[in-house]
N, C-alpha and C. Protein backbone atom coordinates (compact mmCIF):
# COMPACT_ATOMS: atom_id res chain seq x y z
N MET A 1 -114.40 -71.04 2.01
CA MET A 1 -114.65 -69.62 2.81
C MET A 1 -114.47 -69.10 4.27
N ALA A 2 -114.17 -68.33 5.18
CA ALA A 2 -114.32 -68.11 6.05
C ALA A 2 -114.99 -67.21 6.34
N ARG A 3 -115.62 -67.50 7.77
CA ARG A 3 -116.74 -66.19 7.86
C ARG A 3 -116.21 -65.43 8.80
N LEU A 4 -116.80 -64.42 8.60
CA LEU A 4 -116.43 -62.77 9.39
C LEU A 4 -117.82 -62.56 10.49
N ILE A 5 -116.85 -62.75 11.30
CA ILE A 5 -117.89 -62.85 12.81
C ILE A 5 -117.42 -61.06 14.05
N TYR A 6 -118.58 -60.85 14.17
CA TYR A 6 -118.82 -59.84 14.93
C TYR A 6 -119.42 -60.39 16.49
N SER A 7 -118.22 -60.53 17.17
CA SER A 7 -118.89 -61.31 19.14
C SER A 7 -118.42 -59.62 19.36
N VAL A 8 -119.54 -59.64 20.73
CA VAL A 8 -119.42 -57.89 21.38
C VAL A 8 -120.11 -58.44 22.62
N ILE A 9 -119.78 -57.69 23.73
CA ILE A 9 -120.53 -58.02 24.59
C ILE A 9 -120.97 -56.61 24.89
N ALA A 10 -122.45 -56.71 25.42
CA ALA A 10 -123.17 -55.24 25.44
C ALA A 10 -123.90 -55.48 26.91
N SER A 11 -124.30 -54.03 27.09
CA SER A 11 -125.37 -54.03 28.14
C SER A 11 -126.86 -54.61 27.85
N LEU A 12 -127.91 -54.69 28.62
CA LEU A 12 -128.87 -55.15 28.35
C LEU A 12 -129.79 -53.95 27.21
N ASP A 13 -129.52 -52.74 27.68
CA ASP A 13 -130.17 -51.59 26.54
C ASP A 13 -128.71 -51.43 25.19
N GLY A 14 -127.82 -52.44 25.26
CA GLY A 14 -127.14 -51.82 23.73
C GLY A 14 -125.84 -51.40 23.65
N TYR A 15 -125.24 -51.16 24.69
CA TYR A 15 -124.04 -50.44 24.78
C TYR A 15 -123.00 -50.99 25.24
N ILE A 16 -121.75 -51.00 24.88
CA ILE A 16 -120.26 -51.39 25.09
C ILE A 16 -119.95 -50.81 25.88
N GLU A 17 -120.31 -49.76 26.29
CA GLU A 17 -119.49 -48.77 27.15
C GLU A 17 -120.47 -47.71 27.76
N ASP A 18 -120.38 -47.12 28.52
CA ASP A 18 -121.33 -46.04 29.28
C ASP A 18 -121.14 -45.03 28.42
N GLU A 19 -121.59 -43.65 28.84
CA GLU A 19 -121.48 -42.48 28.62
C GLU A 19 -120.31 -41.75 29.10
N HIS A 20 -119.20 -42.45 29.76
CA HIS A 20 -117.96 -41.81 30.73
C HIS A 20 -117.16 -42.71 29.87
N GLY A 21 -117.69 -44.02 28.90
CA GLY A 21 -116.53 -44.66 28.38
C GLY A 21 -115.99 -45.50 29.18
N LYS A 22 -116.94 -46.04 30.28
CA LYS A 22 -116.84 -46.96 30.92
C LYS A 22 -117.33 -48.32 30.48
N PHE A 23 -116.65 -49.49 30.49
CA PHE A 23 -116.76 -50.92 30.64
C PHE A 23 -116.74 -51.66 31.65
N ASP A 24 -116.00 -51.51 32.33
CA ASP A 24 -115.70 -52.54 33.50
C ASP A 24 -116.87 -53.68 33.80
N TRP A 25 -118.11 -53.29 33.58
CA TRP A 25 -119.52 -54.12 33.66
C TRP A 25 -119.17 -55.13 32.73
N ALA A 26 -118.46 -54.80 32.10
CA ALA A 26 -118.77 -55.94 30.57
C ALA A 26 -117.38 -57.42 30.85
N ALA A 27 -116.75 -57.24 32.02
CA ALA A 27 -115.59 -58.17 32.19
C ALA A 27 -116.28 -59.28 32.44
N PRO A 28 -115.92 -60.33 31.10
CA PRO A 28 -116.33 -61.72 31.79
C PRO A 28 -116.19 -62.07 32.63
N ASP A 29 -116.56 -63.18 33.76
CA ASP A 29 -116.28 -64.06 34.90
C ASP A 29 -115.57 -65.35 33.70
N GLN A 30 -115.44 -66.17 35.20
CA GLN A 30 -114.14 -67.40 34.31
C GLN A 30 -115.74 -68.12 33.38
N GLU A 31 -116.77 -68.55 33.65
CA GLU A 31 -117.32 -69.06 33.00
C GLU A 31 -117.60 -68.97 31.40
N VAL A 32 -117.80 -67.09 31.33
CA VAL A 32 -117.89 -66.17 30.25
C VAL A 32 -116.87 -66.49 29.45
N HIS A 33 -116.00 -66.19 30.05
CA HIS A 33 -114.29 -66.13 29.35
C HIS A 33 -114.08 -67.44 28.62
N GLY A 34 -114.02 -69.08 29.23
CA GLY A 34 -113.87 -70.23 29.01
C GLY A 34 -114.48 -70.12 27.74
N PHE A 35 -115.80 -69.85 27.72
CA PHE A 35 -116.74 -69.90 26.51
C PHE A 35 -116.52 -68.89 25.40
N ILE A 36 -115.93 -67.98 25.54
CA ILE A 36 -115.46 -66.91 24.70
C ILE A 36 -114.30 -67.49 23.87
N ASN A 37 -113.30 -68.33 25.03
CA ASN A 37 -111.92 -68.74 23.94
C ASN A 37 -112.51 -70.29 23.57
N ALA A 38 -113.79 -70.67 23.22
CA ALA A 38 -113.76 -71.74 22.67
C ALA A 38 -114.07 -71.14 21.18
N LEU A 39 -115.11 -70.04 21.36
CA LEU A 39 -115.40 -69.81 20.24
C LEU A 39 -114.31 -68.74 19.31
N GLU A 40 -113.22 -68.29 20.14
CA GLU A 40 -112.57 -67.64 19.28
C GLU A 40 -111.20 -68.66 18.55
N ARG A 41 -110.97 -69.86 18.68
CA ARG A 41 -109.91 -70.86 18.75
C ARG A 41 -110.20 -70.89 17.07
N SER A 42 -111.47 -71.02 16.75
CA SER A 42 -111.39 -70.82 14.97
C SER A 42 -111.00 -69.85 14.52
N ALA A 43 -110.43 -68.55 15.27
CA ALA A 43 -109.91 -67.29 14.65
C ALA A 43 -108.48 -67.38 13.98
N SER A 44 -108.35 -67.06 12.77
CA SER A 44 -107.00 -66.98 12.53
C SER A 44 -106.42 -65.26 12.47
N THR A 45 -107.40 -64.55 12.36
CA THR A 45 -107.15 -63.03 12.32
C THR A 45 -108.51 -62.12 13.12
N TYR A 46 -108.12 -61.15 13.41
CA TYR A 46 -108.83 -60.25 14.17
C TYR A 46 -108.50 -59.00 13.38
N LEU A 47 -109.77 -58.13 13.25
CA LEU A 47 -109.53 -57.02 12.67
C LEU A 47 -110.02 -55.71 13.53
N TYR A 48 -109.45 -54.83 13.55
CA TYR A 48 -109.70 -53.86 14.88
C TYR A 48 -109.77 -52.72 14.31
N GLY A 49 -110.34 -51.30 15.05
CA GLY A 49 -110.19 -50.31 14.98
C GLY A 49 -109.05 -49.69 15.90
N ARG A 50 -108.50 -48.73 16.15
CA ARG A 50 -107.44 -47.98 17.05
C ARG A 50 -107.91 -48.44 18.15
N ARG A 51 -109.02 -47.97 18.87
CA ARG A 51 -109.61 -47.74 20.10
C ARG A 51 -109.30 -49.04 20.39
N MET A 52 -109.81 -49.82 19.86
CA MET A 52 -109.89 -51.51 20.22
C MET A 52 -108.83 -51.99 20.07
N TYR A 53 -107.69 -51.95 19.35
CA TYR A 53 -106.68 -52.40 19.03
C TYR A 53 -105.82 -51.96 20.76
N GLU A 54 -105.79 -50.98 21.05
CA GLU A 54 -105.29 -50.23 22.21
C GLU A 54 -105.54 -51.35 23.52
N VAL A 55 -107.18 -51.20 23.34
CA VAL A 55 -107.62 -52.44 24.22
C VAL A 55 -107.05 -53.68 25.02
N MET A 56 -106.94 -54.42 23.30
CA MET A 56 -106.61 -55.75 22.96
C MET A 56 -105.33 -56.07 23.28
N SER A 57 -104.62 -54.96 23.16
CA SER A 57 -103.16 -55.24 23.28
C SER A 57 -102.68 -55.66 24.49
N PHE A 58 -103.25 -55.69 25.57
CA PHE A 58 -102.84 -55.88 26.47
C PHE A 58 -102.38 -57.53 26.47
N TRP A 59 -103.33 -58.43 25.17
CA TRP A 59 -102.92 -59.35 25.68
C TRP A 59 -101.67 -60.18 25.09
N GLY A 60 -101.35 -59.16 24.49
CA GLY A 60 -99.85 -59.21 24.04
C GLY A 60 -98.47 -58.85 24.66
N THR A 61 -99.13 -58.76 26.21
CA THR A 61 -97.96 -58.11 27.06
C THR A 61 -97.45 -59.75 27.73
N THR A 62 -96.42 -59.55 28.33
CA THR A 62 -96.02 -60.76 29.40
C THR A 62 -96.99 -60.69 30.70
N GLU A 63 -97.26 -59.74 31.11
CA GLU A 63 -98.67 -59.55 31.85
C GLU A 63 -99.92 -60.50 31.95
N ALA A 64 -100.58 -60.65 30.47
CA ALA A 64 -101.39 -61.41 30.43
C ALA A 64 -101.19 -62.89 30.44
N SER A 65 -99.67 -63.25 30.54
CA SER A 65 -99.55 -64.85 30.29
C SER A 65 -98.88 -64.80 31.74
N ALA A 66 -98.79 -63.95 32.42
CA ALA A 66 -98.12 -64.46 33.61
C ALA A 66 -98.53 -65.47 34.72
N PRO A 67 -97.96 -66.13 35.28
CA PRO A 67 -98.07 -67.36 35.98
C PRO A 67 -99.48 -67.47 37.02
N GLY A 68 -99.33 -65.74 37.85
CA GLY A 68 -100.63 -65.90 38.41
C GLY A 68 -101.90 -65.57 37.76
N GLN A 69 -102.10 -65.89 36.51
CA GLN A 69 -103.15 -65.38 35.45
C GLN A 69 -103.80 -66.65 35.94
N SER A 70 -104.99 -66.76 35.61
CA SER A 70 -106.29 -68.27 35.81
C SER A 70 -105.99 -69.07 34.55
N PRO A 71 -106.12 -70.11 34.20
CA PRO A 71 -106.12 -71.20 32.85
C PRO A 71 -106.67 -70.56 32.04
N VAL A 72 -107.71 -69.71 32.20
CA VAL A 72 -108.68 -69.37 31.16
C VAL A 72 -108.54 -67.73 30.65
N VAL A 73 -107.84 -67.11 31.41
CA VAL A 73 -106.97 -65.92 31.28
C VAL A 73 -105.49 -66.08 30.57
N ARG A 74 -104.86 -67.36 30.68
CA ARG A 74 -103.58 -67.78 29.97
C ARG A 74 -103.90 -68.24 28.72
N GLU A 75 -105.13 -69.48 28.45
CA GLU A 75 -105.52 -69.80 27.21
C GLU A 75 -105.69 -68.93 26.17
N TYR A 76 -106.40 -68.15 26.77
CA TYR A 76 -106.94 -66.65 25.41
C TYR A 76 -105.83 -66.00 25.36
N THR A 77 -104.92 -65.42 26.08
CA THR A 77 -103.18 -65.34 25.55
C THR A 77 -102.86 -65.74 24.77
N GLU A 78 -102.73 -67.08 24.60
CA GLU A 78 -101.85 -68.22 23.44
C GLU A 78 -102.98 -67.70 22.62
N ILE A 79 -104.12 -68.01 22.29
CA ILE A 79 -105.66 -67.70 21.05
C ILE A 79 -105.01 -66.61 20.83
N TRP A 80 -105.42 -65.29 21.17
CA TRP A 80 -104.36 -63.77 20.63
C TRP A 80 -103.77 -63.67 20.41
N GLN A 81 -102.45 -64.47 20.93
CA GLN A 81 -101.14 -63.98 20.48
C GLN A 81 -100.80 -64.81 19.23
N ALA A 82 -101.58 -66.13 18.92
CA ALA A 82 -101.46 -67.02 17.60
C ALA A 82 -102.04 -66.93 16.40
N ALA A 83 -103.13 -65.21 16.49
CA ALA A 83 -103.69 -64.74 15.46
C ALA A 83 -103.21 -63.64 14.99
N ASP A 84 -103.39 -63.28 13.31
CA ASP A 84 -103.10 -62.29 12.94
C ASP A 84 -103.97 -61.01 13.26
N LYS A 85 -102.96 -60.03 12.91
CA LYS A 85 -104.63 -58.34 14.00
C LYS A 85 -104.10 -57.84 12.80
N VAL A 86 -105.26 -57.22 11.95
CA VAL A 86 -105.38 -56.17 11.38
C VAL A 86 -105.42 -54.60 11.86
N VAL A 87 -105.11 -53.80 12.14
CA VAL A 87 -105.67 -52.40 13.10
C VAL A 87 -106.02 -51.19 11.92
N TYR A 88 -107.38 -51.01 11.77
CA TYR A 88 -107.25 -50.13 11.06
C TYR A 88 -107.28 -48.52 11.43
N SER A 89 -106.22 -47.74 10.95
CA SER A 89 -106.28 -46.22 11.85
C SER A 89 -105.37 -45.78 10.71
N ARG A 90 -105.77 -44.64 11.00
CA ARG A 90 -105.46 -43.07 10.01
C ARG A 90 -103.96 -42.40 10.95
N THR A 91 -104.22 -42.45 12.49
CA THR A 91 -103.11 -42.06 12.98
C THR A 91 -102.13 -42.78 13.49
N LEU A 92 -102.43 -44.21 14.10
CA LEU A 92 -101.41 -45.18 14.80
C LEU A 92 -100.84 -45.35 13.27
N THR A 93 -99.02 -45.13 13.48
CA THR A 93 -98.11 -45.67 12.73
C THR A 93 -97.31 -46.55 13.33
N THR A 94 -97.33 -47.13 14.39
CA THR A 94 -96.59 -48.75 14.54
C THR A 94 -97.73 -49.39 15.61
N THR A 95 -97.08 -51.04 15.67
CA THR A 95 -97.89 -51.63 16.98
C THR A 95 -97.28 -52.13 18.09
N SER A 96 -97.37 -52.30 19.04
CA SER A 96 -97.08 -53.12 20.15
C SER A 96 -96.87 -54.36 20.13
N THR A 97 -97.87 -55.11 19.54
CA THR A 97 -97.89 -56.51 19.28
C THR A 97 -97.27 -57.03 18.00
N GLU A 98 -97.11 -58.68 18.10
CA GLU A 98 -96.79 -59.43 17.02
C GLU A 98 -97.78 -59.61 16.24
N ARG A 99 -97.49 -60.04 14.81
CA ARG A 99 -98.14 -60.53 14.05
C ARG A 99 -99.30 -59.47 13.49
N THR A 100 -99.39 -58.21 13.64
CA THR A 100 -100.10 -56.91 13.66
C THR A 100 -99.53 -56.30 12.75
N ARG A 101 -100.46 -55.87 11.92
CA ARG A 101 -99.88 -54.78 10.80
C ARG A 101 -101.36 -53.51 10.86
N ILE A 102 -100.91 -52.42 10.17
CA ILE A 102 -101.55 -50.99 9.96
C ILE A 102 -102.40 -51.42 8.65
N GLU A 103 -103.65 -50.47 8.09
CA GLU A 103 -103.86 -50.23 7.27
C GLU A 103 -104.86 -49.06 7.27
N SER A 104 -104.39 -47.91 6.79
CA SER A 104 -105.30 -46.87 6.91
C SER A 104 -106.31 -47.01 6.53
N GLU A 105 -107.31 -47.73 5.69
CA GLU A 105 -108.85 -47.52 5.65
C GLU A 105 -109.18 -48.89 5.37
N PHE A 106 -110.50 -48.97 5.82
CA PHE A 106 -111.33 -50.44 5.60
C PHE A 106 -111.77 -50.04 4.38
N ASP A 107 -110.93 -51.42 3.72
CA ASP A 107 -111.20 -51.72 2.41
C ASP A 107 -112.57 -53.36 2.26
N PRO A 108 -113.65 -53.01 2.08
CA PRO A 108 -114.42 -53.64 2.17
C PRO A 108 -113.83 -54.90 1.17
N GLU A 109 -113.72 -54.77 -0.22
CA GLU A 109 -113.27 -55.34 -0.97
C GLU A 109 -112.18 -56.10 -0.84
N ALA A 110 -111.18 -55.93 -0.14
CA ALA A 110 -109.67 -56.46 0.21
C ALA A 110 -110.76 -57.44 1.36
N VAL A 111 -111.33 -57.11 2.50
CA VAL A 111 -111.82 -57.59 3.31
C VAL A 111 -112.46 -59.32 2.96
N GLY A 112 -113.45 -58.93 1.89
CA GLY A 112 -114.00 -60.00 1.28
C GLY A 112 -112.97 -60.60 0.67
N GLN A 113 -111.90 -60.68 -0.09
CA GLN A 113 -110.63 -61.31 -0.62
C GLN A 113 -109.70 -62.04 0.74
N MET A 114 -109.91 -61.32 1.47
CA MET A 114 -109.13 -61.94 2.66
C MET A 114 -109.92 -63.28 3.70
N LYS A 115 -111.51 -63.17 3.32
CA LYS A 115 -112.31 -63.93 3.54
C LYS A 115 -111.90 -65.45 2.58
N GLU A 116 -112.12 -65.14 1.85
CA GLU A 116 -112.42 -65.65 0.45
C GLU A 116 -110.55 -67.01 0.79
N ARG A 117 -109.62 -66.29 1.04
CA ARG A 117 -108.22 -66.91 0.92
C ARG A 117 -108.03 -67.39 2.49
N SER A 118 -108.74 -66.96 3.63
CA SER A 118 -108.31 -67.06 4.70
C SER A 118 -108.45 -68.79 5.01
N GLU A 119 -107.62 -69.19 5.87
CA GLU A 119 -107.92 -70.60 6.54
C GLU A 119 -108.69 -70.83 7.84
N GLY A 120 -108.66 -69.81 8.64
CA GLY A 120 -109.35 -69.42 9.56
C GLY A 120 -110.77 -68.13 9.63
N ASP A 121 -111.50 -68.39 10.39
CA ASP A 121 -112.13 -67.43 10.67
C ASP A 121 -111.83 -66.34 11.24
N ILE A 122 -112.23 -65.27 10.75
CA ILE A 122 -111.84 -63.64 10.86
C ILE A 122 -112.91 -63.24 11.39
N THR A 123 -112.10 -62.62 12.85
CA THR A 123 -113.33 -61.69 13.69
C THR A 123 -113.12 -60.11 13.56
N VAL A 124 -114.24 -59.16 13.93
CA VAL A 124 -114.30 -57.79 13.71
C VAL A 124 -114.54 -57.12 15.10
N ALA A 125 -113.54 -55.94 15.78
CA ALA A 125 -114.23 -56.01 16.84
C ALA A 125 -114.63 -54.79 17.23
N GLY A 126 -115.23 -53.78 17.70
CA GLY A 126 -115.30 -52.66 17.50
C GLY A 126 -116.50 -51.98 16.98
N PRO A 127 -117.38 -51.52 17.78
CA PRO A 127 -118.71 -51.10 16.75
C PRO A 127 -118.71 -49.97 15.50
N ASN A 128 -117.44 -49.21 15.45
CA ASN A 128 -117.34 -48.48 14.17
C ASN A 128 -116.97 -49.18 13.40
N LEU A 129 -116.47 -50.09 13.13
CA LEU A 129 -115.49 -51.09 12.82
C LEU A 129 -116.60 -52.26 11.90
N ALA A 130 -117.19 -52.53 12.87
CA ALA A 130 -118.17 -54.08 12.73
C ALA A 130 -119.38 -52.77 12.15
N ALA A 131 -119.54 -51.74 12.03
CA ALA A 131 -120.91 -50.96 11.20
C ALA A 131 -120.19 -50.94 10.10
N GLN A 132 -118.73 -50.97 9.21
CA GLN A 132 -118.73 -50.55 8.32
C GLN A 132 -118.59 -51.94 7.53
N ALA A 133 -118.23 -53.03 8.24
CA ALA A 133 -118.03 -54.80 7.56
C ALA A 133 -119.74 -55.16 7.75
N ILE A 134 -120.81 -54.58 8.72
CA ILE A 134 -121.86 -55.22 8.78
C ILE A 134 -122.84 -54.37 7.44
N GLY A 135 -122.66 -53.49 7.55
CA GLY A 135 -122.82 -52.15 6.37
C GLY A 135 -122.86 -52.62 4.67
N ALA A 136 -121.98 -53.18 4.61
CA ALA A 136 -121.16 -53.76 3.72
C ALA A 136 -121.54 -55.43 3.12
N GLY A 137 -122.55 -55.58 4.19
CA GLY A 137 -122.69 -57.29 3.89
C GLY A 137 -121.78 -58.50 4.38
N LEU A 138 -120.77 -58.01 4.67
CA LEU A 138 -119.41 -58.82 4.98
C LEU A 138 -119.33 -59.68 6.33
N VAL A 139 -120.35 -59.58 7.25
CA VAL A 139 -120.49 -60.25 8.72
C VAL A 139 -121.69 -61.29 8.56
N ASP A 140 -120.74 -62.53 8.97
CA ASP A 140 -121.55 -63.80 8.96
C ASP A 140 -122.50 -63.78 9.64
N ASP A 141 -121.71 -64.11 10.67
CA ASP A 141 -122.03 -64.22 12.63
C ASP A 141 -121.62 -63.20 12.92
N LEU A 142 -122.99 -63.53 13.97
CA LEU A 142 -122.95 -62.05 15.64
C LEU A 142 -123.18 -63.03 16.68
N HIS A 143 -122.07 -62.95 18.03
CA HIS A 143 -122.05 -63.41 18.52
C HIS A 143 -122.14 -62.34 19.68
N LEU A 144 -123.23 -62.36 20.52
CA LEU A 144 -124.05 -61.03 21.21
C LEU A 144 -123.90 -61.55 22.63
N PHE A 145 -123.19 -60.95 23.72
CA PHE A 145 -123.45 -61.48 24.92
C PHE A 145 -124.08 -60.15 25.77
N VAL A 146 -125.29 -60.62 26.04
CA VAL A 146 -126.02 -59.25 27.00
C VAL A 146 -125.88 -59.63 28.33
N VAL A 147 -125.19 -58.44 28.58
CA VAL A 147 -125.01 -58.72 30.37
C VAL A 147 -126.14 -58.04 31.14
N PRO A 148 -126.82 -58.45 32.15
CA PRO A 148 -127.98 -57.87 32.97
C PRO A 148 -127.74 -56.44 33.66
N ILE A 149 -127.36 -55.61 33.07
CA ILE A 149 -127.16 -54.24 33.65
C ILE A 149 -127.88 -53.17 32.26
N VAL A 150 -128.01 -52.07 33.00
CA VAL A 150 -128.85 -51.03 31.91
C VAL A 150 -127.88 -50.07 32.06
N VAL A 151 -127.45 -49.53 31.57
CA VAL A 151 -126.71 -48.52 31.67
C VAL A 151 -127.15 -46.82 30.75
N GLY A 152 -127.75 -46.83 30.25
CA GLY A 152 -128.64 -46.09 29.99
C GLY A 152 -128.11 -44.66 28.51
N GLY A 153 -126.90 -45.02 28.08
CA GLY A 153 -126.39 -44.40 27.33
C GLY A 153 -124.77 -44.55 27.22
N GLY A 154 -124.55 -44.04 26.04
CA GLY A 154 -123.05 -44.45 25.40
C GLY A 154 -122.66 -45.00 24.16
N LYS A 155 -121.85 -45.59 24.01
CA LYS A 155 -121.31 -46.27 22.40
C LYS A 155 -122.32 -47.63 22.38
N ARG A 156 -122.97 -47.30 21.04
CA ARG A 156 -123.97 -48.54 20.33
C ARG A 156 -123.12 -49.59 20.28
N ALA A 157 -123.50 -50.94 20.66
CA ALA A 157 -123.07 -52.32 20.13
C ALA A 157 -123.50 -52.46 18.77
N LEU A 158 -124.34 -51.72 18.09
CA LEU A 158 -124.87 -52.03 17.24
C LEU A 158 -125.53 -50.80 16.19
N PRO A 159 -125.10 -50.87 14.77
CA PRO A 159 -124.93 -49.67 14.02
C PRO A 159 -126.78 -49.21 13.99
N ASP A 160 -126.99 -48.10 13.63
CA ASP A 160 -128.47 -47.88 13.78
C ASP A 160 -129.22 -47.71 12.68
N ASP A 161 -128.09 -47.57 11.63
CA ASP A 161 -128.25 -47.09 10.38
C ASP A 161 -128.37 -48.22 9.11
N VAL A 162 -128.26 -49.62 9.64
CA VAL A 162 -128.53 -50.82 8.37
C VAL A 162 -129.65 -51.06 9.07
N ILE A 163 -130.40 -52.02 7.89
CA ILE A 163 -130.80 -53.46 8.40
C ILE A 163 -130.32 -54.48 8.08
N TRP A 164 -130.24 -55.42 9.12
CA TRP A 164 -129.87 -56.69 9.17
C TRP A 164 -130.80 -57.54 9.72
N LYS A 165 -130.83 -58.58 8.76
CA LYS A 165 -131.88 -59.87 9.12
C LYS A 165 -130.87 -61.08 9.50
N LEU A 166 -131.30 -61.22 10.39
CA LEU A 166 -130.56 -62.53 11.23
C LEU A 166 -131.44 -63.91 11.64
N ASP A 167 -130.84 -64.99 11.41
CA ASP A 167 -131.27 -66.32 12.17
C ASP A 167 -130.68 -66.75 13.40
N LEU A 168 -131.37 -67.07 14.33
CA LEU A 168 -131.54 -67.18 15.55
C LEU A 168 -130.52 -68.80 15.62
N LEU A 169 -129.17 -68.72 15.33
CA LEU A 169 -128.89 -70.34 16.12
C LEU A 169 -128.72 -71.18 17.25
N ASP A 170 -128.36 -70.00 18.09
CA ASP A 170 -127.93 -71.01 19.42
C ASP A 170 -128.14 -69.69 20.41
N GLU A 171 -128.44 -70.31 21.36
CA GLU A 171 -128.95 -69.11 22.95
C GLU A 171 -127.77 -70.09 23.70
N HIS A 172 -127.49 -69.32 24.96
CA HIS A 172 -126.81 -70.00 25.83
C HIS A 172 -126.94 -69.07 27.33
N ARG A 173 -127.03 -69.45 28.26
CA ARG A 173 -127.53 -68.78 29.57
C ARG A 173 -126.61 -69.12 30.47
N PHE A 174 -125.62 -68.04 31.04
CA PHE A 174 -125.19 -67.93 32.24
C PHE A 174 -124.87 -68.37 33.91
N ALA A 175 -124.08 -68.74 34.37
CA ALA A 175 -124.78 -68.88 35.51
C ALA A 175 -124.88 -67.17 36.56
N GLY A 176 -124.06 -66.45 35.72
CA GLY A 176 -123.91 -65.02 36.59
C GLY A 176 -125.13 -63.81 35.77
N GLY A 177 -125.95 -64.54 35.09
CA GLY A 177 -127.07 -63.77 34.32
C GLY A 177 -126.78 -63.46 32.86
N VAL A 178 -125.68 -63.64 32.36
CA VAL A 178 -125.07 -63.03 30.76
C VAL A 178 -125.95 -64.09 30.23
N VAL A 179 -126.08 -64.06 28.84
CA VAL A 179 -126.97 -64.72 27.94
C VAL A 179 -125.99 -64.65 26.80
N HIS A 180 -125.93 -65.54 25.58
CA HIS A 180 -124.73 -65.40 24.69
C HIS A 180 -125.98 -65.92 23.66
N LEU A 181 -126.38 -65.43 22.50
CA LEU A 181 -127.25 -65.21 21.39
C LEU A 181 -126.38 -65.37 19.90
N HIS A 182 -126.02 -66.15 19.61
CA HIS A 182 -125.77 -66.96 18.13
C HIS A 182 -126.62 -66.44 17.14
N TYR A 183 -126.20 -65.55 16.45
CA TYR A 183 -126.95 -65.45 14.98
C TYR A 183 -126.25 -65.76 13.53
N ARG A 184 -127.03 -65.79 12.55
CA ARG A 184 -125.94 -65.56 11.36
C ARG A 184 -126.92 -64.97 10.49
N THR A 185 -126.33 -64.25 9.98
CA THR A 185 -127.06 -63.52 8.27
C THR A 185 -128.20 -64.26 7.84
N SER A 186 -129.45 -63.82 7.78
CA SER A 186 -130.46 -64.86 7.09
C SER A 186 -129.89 -64.38 5.60
N MET A 187 -130.60 -65.99 4.97
CA MET A 187 -130.48 -65.96 3.38
C MET A 187 -131.72 -65.75 2.71
N GLU A 188 -132.36 -65.06 3.19
CA GLU A 188 -133.62 -64.94 2.76
C GLU A 188 -133.50 -63.53 1.95
């Protein structure tokens, strides 16, 4: 069975973007990006809400794979383009990337079935969609990248209204101050 993984870059105070919607402080450096690439290689499907898909659709452009891009960016572009994408949106009617389909509603039962039949891992991106998956008990792993900045408010990385027991599997410190924490859902 595939794992459903929530991977998120957040400020030290737990936000993915500040109160003005800015997240430029979360852009990974080459070292962090290479680490993320290694994590993403096991994913065969990405689950997105509309806003996160719109941000991530950059990786489906020719600009993302242009010769001037760093090797780590070109590598991530290949990883991203090779995976299937499911976008949950009530307003989106078309997509701009290949291997992408739209679902109007997040259906926990359908995602559970997807986990059972998937050959590779599945990632969920975006805090709103991840909150639904966490609340439904579907998320197996959390990869939390903590950036050494406090932004004071904005969009929270983790939901406020769930209790989610986790076991720490690994931690990694990067030269630029980012810390990666890998948790798995506790089996208690």
